[in-house]
Amino acid sequence: MKRILLILLLILNLLYLAVVLTGYPMRFSFAWNVGLAFGWIGCLLLSGIFFIRSGKKSGYSPYLSLAVFSLSLACFGWHAFINYLSLIMG
């Protein structure tokens, strides 16, 4: 179950980054922006918990958790920069 959830989160993060990097104009309402931010924070927490627990289990590879964590951090940083900092900077 954990592996399927992590793969799903990995695909969602990759799709978001692919859409953003291709230059597709994405403008969401305030509610969507807050929802996406909380979603990536949730992804960070879940992948962090799975990564910490992977050290206690034998035979489990932590690379999937680490990939989801790094991509969620990248998505959250990109989202914060585009939607909040760029608005402040003008």
N, C-alpha and C. Protein backbone atom coordinates (compact mmCIF):
# COMPACT_ATOMS: atom_id res chain seq x y z
N MET A 1 0.82 -1.19 0.00
CA MET A 1 0.00 0.00 0.00
C MET A 1 0.87 1.26 0.00
N LYS A 2 1.94 1.21 0.79
CA LYS A 2 2.83 2.37 0.84
C LYS A 2 3.49 2.62 -0.50
N ARG A 3 3.89 1.54 -1.13
CA ARG A 3 4.58 1.67 -2.42
C ARG A 3 3.66 2.24 -3.48
N ILE A 4 2.41 1.81 -3.51
CA ILE A 4 1.44 2.34 -4.48
C ILE A 4 1.18 3.81 -4.23
N LEU A 5 1.04 4.19 -2.96
CA LEU A 5 0.82 5.59 -2.60
C LEU A 5 2.01 6.45 -3.00
N LEU A 6 3.21 5.96 -2.75
CA LEU A 6 4.40 6.72 -3.12
C LEU A 6 4.54 6.85 -4.64
N ILE A 7 4.21 5.80 -5.38
CA ILE A 7 4.28 5.88 -6.84
C ILE A 7 3.26 6.88 -7.36
N LEU A 8 2.06 6.88 -6.79
CA LEU A 8 1.04 7.83 -7.20
C LEU A 8 1.47 9.27 -6.91
N LEU A 9 2.05 9.50 -5.74
CA LEU A 9 2.54 10.84 -5.41
C LEU A 9 3.69 11.25 -6.31
N LEU A 10 4.54 10.31 -6.66
CA LEU A 10 5.64 10.60 -7.57
C LEU A 10 5.13 11.01 -8.95
N ILE A 11 4.13 10.30 -9.45
CA ILE A 11 3.55 10.64 -10.76
C ILE A 11 2.89 12.02 -10.73
N LEU A 12 2.16 12.32 -9.66
CA LEU A 12 1.52 13.63 -9.55
C LEU A 12 2.54 14.76 -9.51
N ASN A 13 3.61 14.56 -8.76
CA ASN A 13 4.66 15.58 -8.70
C ASN A 13 5.35 15.75 -10.05
N LEU A 14 5.61 14.64 -10.73
CA LEU A 14 6.25 14.73 -12.05
C LEU A 14 5.34 15.43 -13.07
N LEU A 15 4.04 15.13 -13.01
CA LEU A 15 3.11 15.80 -13.92
C LEU A 15 3.05 17.30 -13.67
N TYR A 16 3.03 17.69 -12.40
CA TYR A 16 3.00 19.13 -12.09
C TYR A 16 4.27 19.82 -12.60
N LEU A 17 5.41 19.22 -12.35
CA LEU A 17 6.66 19.83 -12.82
C LEU A 17 6.74 19.86 -14.34
N ALA A 18 6.25 18.83 -15.01
CA ALA A 18 6.26 18.82 -16.47
C ALA A 18 5.36 19.92 -17.03
N VAL A 19 4.20 20.10 -16.44
CA VAL A 19 3.28 21.14 -16.90
C VAL A 19 3.87 22.52 -16.66
N VAL A 20 4.48 22.71 -15.52
CA VAL A 20 5.05 24.03 -15.20
C VAL A 20 6.25 24.34 -16.09
N LEU A 21 7.11 23.35 -16.31
CA LEU A 21 8.32 23.60 -17.08
C LEU A 21 8.06 23.73 -18.58
N THR A 22 6.92 23.24 -19.06
CA THR A 22 6.60 23.42 -20.47
C THR A 22 6.02 24.81 -20.75
N GLY A 23 5.73 25.56 -19.72
CA GLY A 23 5.26 26.92 -19.91
C GLY A 23 3.76 27.06 -19.99
N TYR A 24 3.03 26.05 -19.61
CA TYR A 24 1.58 26.13 -19.63
C TYR A 24 1.13 27.14 -18.57
N PRO A 25 0.33 28.13 -18.96
CA PRO A 25 -0.08 29.15 -17.97
C PRO A 25 -1.10 28.58 -16.99
N MET A 26 -0.67 28.44 -15.77
CA MET A 26 -1.55 27.89 -14.73
C MET A 26 -1.86 28.97 -13.71
N ARG A 27 -3.07 29.38 -13.65
CA ARG A 27 -3.51 30.34 -12.64
C ARG A 27 -4.68 29.72 -11.88
N PHE A 28 -4.49 29.55 -10.59
CA PHE A 28 -5.52 28.96 -9.76
C PHE A 28 -6.08 30.02 -8.83
N SER A 29 -7.23 29.71 -8.27
CA SER A 29 -7.81 30.59 -7.26
C SER A 29 -7.04 30.42 -5.95
N PHE A 30 -7.35 31.26 -4.99
CA PHE A 30 -6.65 31.20 -3.71
C PHE A 30 -6.87 29.85 -3.02
N ALA A 31 -8.07 29.32 -3.11
CA ALA A 31 -8.37 28.04 -2.46
C ALA A 31 -7.54 26.91 -3.09
N TRP A 32 -7.40 26.90 -4.41
CA TRP A 32 -6.59 25.88 -5.07
C TRP A 32 -5.11 26.02 -4.69
N ASN A 33 -4.62 27.26 -4.61
CA ASN A 33 -3.23 27.47 -4.24
C ASN A 33 -2.94 26.97 -2.83
N VAL A 34 -3.85 27.26 -1.91
CA VAL A 34 -3.66 26.78 -0.54
C VAL A 34 -3.78 25.26 -0.49
N GLY A 35 -4.71 24.70 -1.25
CA GLY A 35 -4.86 23.25 -1.29
C GLY A 35 -3.63 22.55 -1.85
N LEU A 36 -3.07 23.11 -2.91
CA LEU A 36 -1.84 22.53 -3.47
C LEU A 36 -0.68 22.62 -2.49
N ALA A 37 -0.57 23.74 -1.80
CA ALA A 37 0.51 23.90 -0.83
C ALA A 37 0.37 22.88 0.30
N PHE A 38 -0.83 22.70 0.82
CA PHE A 38 -1.04 21.70 1.87
C PHE A 38 -0.84 20.29 1.33
N GLY A 39 -1.16 20.08 0.07
CA GLY A 39 -0.92 18.77 -0.54
C GLY A 39 0.55 18.43 -0.59
N TRP A 40 1.37 19.40 -0.96
CA TRP A 40 2.81 19.13 -1.02
C TRP A 40 3.42 19.01 0.37
N ILE A 41 2.89 19.73 1.32
CA ILE A 41 3.36 19.55 2.70
C ILE A 41 3.00 18.14 3.17
N GLY A 42 1.80 17.68 2.81
CA GLY A 42 1.42 16.31 3.14
C GLY A 42 2.32 15.28 2.47
N CYS A 43 2.66 15.53 1.21
CA CYS A 43 3.59 14.63 0.50
C CYS A 43 4.95 14.60 1.18
N LEU A 44 5.42 15.75 1.61
CA LEU A 44 6.70 15.81 2.31
C LEU A 44 6.64 15.03 3.61
N LEU A 45 5.57 15.19 4.36
CA LEU A 45 5.45 14.48 5.63
C LEU A 45 5.35 12.97 5.43
N LEU A 46 4.51 12.54 4.49
CA LEU A 46 4.36 11.10 4.24
C LEU A 46 5.65 10.46 3.76
N SER A 47 6.30 11.09 2.82
CA SER A 47 7.54 10.50 2.32
C SER A 47 8.64 10.53 3.38
N GLY A 48 8.64 11.56 4.22
CA GLY A 48 9.60 11.60 5.32
C GLY A 48 9.36 10.49 6.33
N ILE A 49 8.10 10.26 6.66
CA ILE A 49 7.76 9.18 7.59
C ILE A 49 8.13 7.83 7.00
N PHE A 50 7.80 7.61 5.73
CA PHE A 50 8.14 6.34 5.08
C PHE A 50 9.65 6.17 4.98
N PHE A 51 10.38 7.26 4.78
CA PHE A 51 11.84 7.18 4.68
C PHE A 51 12.45 6.82 6.03
N ILE A 52 11.95 7.41 7.09
CA ILE A 52 12.47 7.11 8.42
C ILE A 52 12.15 5.66 8.81
N ARG A 53 10.96 5.21 8.49
CA ARG A 53 10.57 3.83 8.80
C ARG A 53 11.30 2.82 7.94
N SER A 54 11.82 3.24 6.80
CA SER A 54 12.49 2.28 5.91
C SER A 54 13.80 1.79 6.50
N GLY A 55 14.40 2.56 7.38
CA GLY A 55 15.63 2.12 8.02
C GLY A 55 15.43 0.97 8.98
N LYS A 56 14.21 0.85 9.50
CA LYS A 56 13.91 -0.21 10.46
C LYS A 56 13.50 -1.52 9.80
N LYS A 57 13.12 -1.46 8.51
CA LYS A 57 12.66 -2.66 7.81
C LYS A 57 13.77 -3.16 6.89
N SER A 58 13.97 -4.43 6.90
CA SER A 58 14.98 -4.99 6.01
C SER A 58 14.35 -5.30 4.65
N GLY A 59 15.11 -5.10 3.62
CA GLY A 59 14.63 -5.39 2.28
C GLY A 59 13.83 -4.28 1.63
N TYR A 60 13.68 -3.14 2.29
CA TYR A 60 12.91 -2.03 1.72
C TYR A 60 13.89 -0.99 1.20
N SER A 61 13.68 -0.55 -0.01
CA SER A 61 14.56 0.44 -0.62
C SER A 61 14.02 1.85 -0.36
N PRO A 62 14.80 2.72 0.21
CA PRO A 62 14.33 4.06 0.55
C PRO A 62 14.37 5.03 -0.63
N TYR A 63 14.76 4.58 -1.81
CA TYR A 63 14.93 5.48 -2.94
C TYR A 63 13.62 6.09 -3.42
N LEU A 64 12.54 5.34 -3.37
CA LEU A 64 11.24 5.86 -3.79
C LEU A 64 10.78 6.96 -2.84
N SER A 65 10.95 6.76 -1.55
CA SER A 65 10.58 7.79 -0.57
C SER A 65 11.44 9.04 -0.76
N LEU A 66 12.70 8.83 -1.03
CA LEU A 66 13.60 9.96 -1.23
C LEU A 66 13.27 10.72 -2.51
N ALA A 67 12.87 10.02 -3.55
CA ALA A 67 12.48 10.67 -4.80
C ALA A 67 11.21 11.49 -4.62
N VAL A 68 10.23 10.94 -3.91
CA VAL A 68 8.99 11.68 -3.67
C VAL A 68 9.27 12.89 -2.79
N PHE A 69 10.13 12.74 -1.80
CA PHE A 69 10.46 13.86 -0.93
C PHE A 69 11.13 14.99 -1.70
N SER A 70 12.09 14.65 -2.54
CA SER A 70 12.80 15.69 -3.28
C SER A 70 11.91 16.37 -4.32
N LEU A 71 11.07 15.59 -5.00
CA LEU A 71 10.16 16.19 -5.98
C LEU A 71 9.08 17.03 -5.31
N SER A 72 8.59 16.59 -4.16
CA SER A 72 7.60 17.39 -3.43
C SER A 72 8.21 18.69 -2.94
N LEU A 73 9.45 18.63 -2.51
CA LEU A 73 10.14 19.84 -2.08
C LEU A 73 10.34 20.79 -3.26
N ALA A 74 10.67 20.24 -4.42
CA ALA A 74 10.84 21.06 -5.62
C ALA A 74 9.50 21.69 -6.05
N CYS A 75 8.43 20.90 -6.02
CA CYS A 75 7.11 21.43 -6.39
C CYS A 75 6.65 22.50 -5.42
N PHE A 76 6.86 22.27 -4.15
CA PHE A 76 6.46 23.25 -3.15
C PHE A 76 7.26 24.54 -3.29
N GLY A 77 8.55 24.41 -3.54
CA GLY A 77 9.39 25.60 -3.73
C GLY A 77 9.01 26.37 -4.98
N TRP A 78 8.77 25.66 -6.07
CA TRP A 78 8.36 26.31 -7.31
C TRP A 78 7.01 27.00 -7.14
N HIS A 79 6.08 26.31 -6.51
CA HIS A 79 4.75 26.86 -6.27
C HIS A 79 4.82 28.11 -5.39
N ALA A 80 5.63 28.06 -4.35
CA ALA A 80 5.77 29.21 -3.46
C ALA A 80 6.41 30.39 -4.20
N PHE A 81 7.40 30.11 -5.02
CA PHE A 81 8.06 31.20 -5.74
C PHE A 81 7.12 31.85 -6.74
N ILE A 82 6.45 31.04 -7.55
CA ILE A 82 5.59 31.58 -8.59
C ILE A 82 4.39 32.31 -8.02
N ASN A 83 3.73 31.70 -7.06
CA ASN A 83 2.47 32.24 -6.59
C ASN A 83 2.58 33.28 -5.49
N TYR A 84 3.64 33.28 -4.73
CA TYR A 84 3.73 34.21 -3.64
C TYR A 84 4.85 35.23 -3.81
N LEU A 85 6.06 34.77 -4.04
CA LEU A 85 7.18 35.69 -4.13
C LEU A 85 7.12 36.55 -5.39
N SER A 86 6.68 35.98 -6.50
CA SER A 86 6.61 36.77 -7.72
C SER A 86 5.53 37.85 -7.63
N LEU A 87 4.48 37.57 -6.87
CA LEU A 87 3.46 38.59 -6.65
C LEU A 87 3.96 39.73 -5.79
N ILE A 88 4.79 39.38 -4.82
CA ILE A 88 5.36 40.42 -3.94
C ILE A 88 6.39 41.25 -4.69
N MET A 89 7.21 40.60 -5.53
CA MET A 89 8.25 41.31 -6.26
C MET A 89 7.69 42.14 -7.41
N GLY A 90 6.52 41.78 -7.89
CA GLY A 90 5.90 42.58 -8.94
C GLY A 90 6.02 42.05 -10.27
